[in-house]
Amino acid sequence: MKILITGSKGMLAQDLIPLLREGHEVMPYSPEYASLSTCDLRKLMLRC
């Protein structure tokens, strides 16, 4: 499983969802995602 460090300010949560679906762990690195854990991102993915 790859760990992706997301540092692009232009990256939106919806851009992360396909990566999560592929089974990657996403480590938020930009201020926009600093408060989101991988678990939170997975919950977000399930909502879409």
N, C-alpha and C. Protein backbone atom coordinates (compact mmCIF):
# COMPACT_ATOMS: atom_id res chain seq x y z
N MET A 1 0.84 -1.19 0.00
CA MET A 1 0.00 0.00 0.00
C MET A 1 0.88 1.25 0.00
N LYS A 2 0.61 2.13 -0.91
CA LYS A 2 1.39 3.36 -1.02
C LYS A 2 0.87 4.40 -0.04
N ILE A 3 1.77 5.20 0.49
CA ILE A 3 1.34 6.33 1.30
C ILE A 3 1.59 7.59 0.49
N LEU A 4 0.54 8.35 0.27
CA LEU A 4 0.65 9.57 -0.51
C LEU A 4 0.63 10.77 0.42
N ILE A 5 1.62 11.64 0.27
CA ILE A 5 1.61 12.89 1.02
C ILE A 5 0.96 13.93 0.13
N THR A 6 -0.19 14.42 0.55
CA THR A 6 -0.88 15.41 -0.27
C THR A 6 -0.47 16.80 0.17
N GLY A 7 0.25 17.49 -0.68
CA GLY A 7 0.73 18.81 -0.31
C GLY A 7 0.26 19.89 -1.27
N SER A 8 -0.48 19.49 -2.28
CA SER A 8 -0.92 20.46 -3.28
C SER A 8 -2.12 21.23 -2.77
N LYS A 9 -2.01 22.56 -2.76
CA LYS A 9 -3.12 23.38 -2.28
C LYS A 9 -4.32 23.28 -3.19
N GLY A 10 -4.09 22.90 -4.44
CA GLY A 10 -5.19 22.80 -5.38
C GLY A 10 -5.95 21.48 -5.30
N MET A 11 -5.46 20.56 -4.48
CA MET A 11 -6.08 19.25 -4.41
C MET A 11 -7.31 19.29 -3.51
N LEU A 12 -8.42 18.82 -4.02
CA LEU A 12 -9.66 18.82 -3.26
C LEU A 12 -9.92 17.43 -2.71
N ALA A 13 -10.80 17.35 -1.72
CA ALA A 13 -11.14 16.06 -1.15
C ALA A 13 -11.62 15.10 -2.23
N GLN A 14 -12.37 15.64 -3.21
CA GLN A 14 -12.89 14.76 -4.26
C GLN A 14 -11.76 14.18 -5.11
N ASP A 15 -10.61 14.84 -5.13
CA ASP A 15 -9.45 14.30 -5.85
C ASP A 15 -8.81 13.15 -5.07
N LEU A 16 -8.99 13.17 -3.76
CA LEU A 16 -8.39 12.13 -2.92
C LEU A 16 -9.20 10.85 -2.93
N ILE A 17 -10.50 10.97 -3.17
CA ILE A 17 -11.39 9.82 -3.09
C ILE A 17 -10.98 8.67 -4.02
N PRO A 18 -10.66 8.94 -5.29
CA PRO A 18 -10.21 7.84 -6.16
C PRO A 18 -8.96 7.16 -5.63
N LEU A 19 -8.06 7.94 -5.01
CA LEU A 19 -6.83 7.36 -4.46
C LEU A 19 -7.16 6.45 -3.29
N LEU A 20 -8.12 6.88 -2.47
CA LEU A 20 -8.54 6.05 -1.34
C LEU A 20 -9.19 4.76 -1.84
N ARG A 21 -9.97 4.88 -2.90
CA ARG A 21 -10.64 3.71 -3.46
C ARG A 21 -9.62 2.69 -3.97
N GLU A 22 -8.46 3.20 -4.43
CA GLU A 22 -7.41 2.29 -4.91
C GLU A 22 -6.64 1.66 -3.75
N GLY A 23 -6.97 2.07 -2.53
CA GLY A 23 -6.34 1.46 -1.37
C GLY A 23 -5.12 2.18 -0.85
N HIS A 24 -4.87 3.39 -1.35
CA HIS A 24 -3.73 4.16 -0.86
C HIS A 24 -4.07 4.78 0.49
N GLU A 25 -3.06 4.89 1.33
CA GLU A 25 -3.22 5.68 2.55
C GLU A 25 -2.87 7.11 2.17
N VAL A 26 -3.68 8.04 2.61
CA VAL A 26 -3.42 9.44 2.28
C VAL A 26 -3.03 10.16 3.56
N MET A 27 -1.88 10.82 3.50
CA MET A 27 -1.44 11.59 4.65
C MET A 27 -1.56 13.07 4.32
N PRO A 28 -2.57 13.74 4.86
CA PRO A 28 -2.77 15.15 4.55
C PRO A 28 -1.57 15.97 4.99
N TYR A 29 -1.12 16.83 4.10
CA TYR A 29 0.08 17.61 4.40
C TYR A 29 -0.17 19.09 4.22
N SER A 30 -1.27 19.45 3.61
CA SER A 30 -1.56 20.86 3.40
C SER A 30 -2.55 21.33 4.46
N PRO A 31 -2.60 22.63 4.72
CA PRO A 31 -3.48 23.16 5.78
C PRO A 31 -4.93 22.73 5.61
N GLU A 32 -5.36 22.62 4.36
CA GLU A 32 -6.76 22.26 4.10
C GLU A 32 -7.10 20.88 4.66
N TYR A 33 -6.09 20.00 4.72
CA TYR A 33 -6.35 18.63 5.14
C TYR A 33 -5.73 18.29 6.48
N ALA A 34 -5.07 19.27 7.10
CA ALA A 34 -4.36 18.99 8.35
C ALA A 34 -5.30 18.44 9.41
N SER A 35 -6.57 18.86 9.35
CA SER A 35 -7.52 18.45 10.38
C SER A 35 -8.23 17.15 10.02
N LEU A 36 -7.98 16.65 8.80
CA LEU A 36 -8.65 15.41 8.37
C LEU A 36 -7.71 14.23 8.56
N SER A 37 -8.18 13.22 9.28
CA SER A 37 -7.39 11.99 9.38
C SER A 37 -7.76 11.09 8.21
N THR A 38 -6.97 10.04 8.01
CA THR A 38 -7.29 9.08 6.95
C THR A 38 -8.67 8.50 7.18
N CYS A 39 -8.99 8.28 8.45
CA CYS A 39 -10.31 7.75 8.78
C CYS A 39 -11.42 8.71 8.33
N ASP A 40 -11.22 10.00 8.56
CA ASP A 40 -12.20 11.00 8.14
C ASP A 40 -12.34 10.99 6.62
N LEU A 41 -11.21 10.85 5.93
CA LEU A 41 -11.24 10.83 4.47
C LEU A 41 -11.98 9.60 3.96
N ARG A 42 -11.82 8.48 4.67
CA ARG A 42 -12.54 7.27 4.27
C ARG A 42 -14.04 7.45 4.46
N LYS A 43 -14.43 8.11 5.55
CA LYS A 43 -15.85 8.38 5.78
C LYS A 43 -16.39 9.26 4.67
N LEU A 44 -15.59 10.25 4.27
CA LEU A 44 -15.97 11.15 3.19
C LEU A 44 -16.13 10.37 1.89
N MET A 45 -15.22 9.43 1.66
CA MET A 45 -15.27 8.59 0.47
C MET A 45 -16.56 7.78 0.44
N LEU A 46 -16.97 7.27 1.59
CA LEU A 46 -18.17 6.43 1.65
C LEU A 46 -19.43 7.23 1.37
N ARG A 47 -19.37 8.54 1.60
CA ARG A 47 -20.53 9.38 1.36
C ARG A 47 -20.72 9.69 -0.12
N CYS A 48 -19.67 9.56 -0.88
CA CYS A 48 -19.75 9.95 -2.30
C CYS A 48 -20.27 8.82 -3.18
